[in-house]
Amino acid sequence: MDKKSLETIFGELLVTHGFKKKASTWYRQGEGALQVVDLQKSSFGMQFYINLCCVPVGMSVEGMPTPKEHKCSIRIRLTSAFPEEKEEIEKILDLERRDIDNTMRLNQITRITNQLVIPFLALMKDVTSLKRAMEKGRLKNALIDLAAQKHLGINEAR
């Protein structure tokens, strides 16, 4: 599988959930937050990472309505959101691995998207969901900028 095929497969899954693509990033504007899913390529090979981000309603960041992943107020890498799945996620998104055939990779990308990415984004759909996710420790590995912390009414020490 090559980068284009990975983007196509992953993107088709996200589009069915209301996302729109720009470059290798997908955006979904909901009533409570702009959600961003970014497929990032490693600088060192054909390994990829999935970054999940949001900008809560009432906030604005550079590049709105399609900000770059690193400009988003709240962001987390999929492997940080699901550390117990880290090895499997990295294996599937490492296109240099030849021990995984295209059918297996397709099935696992579909599973990762439907069972991890989309449900996790539900935690980032609005301010109430974000606060609840933080209280439950689901965003403990997320990067939450100071403006978002103030907007959500949380203190720095999570």
Foldseek 3Di string as FASTA:
>chain_A
DAPVVLLVLLVVLVVVVPWDDDDQKTWHDDPFWIKIWGWAADPPAQAIWIKIAIATPVDDWPPPPDDDQVGGQKMDILCLLPVVCNVVNRVLRHPVDPVADPVNSSVVSNCCCVVRVVVVCVCVRHLVSVVVCVVVVSRVRMHGDPVRCVVSVHDPPD
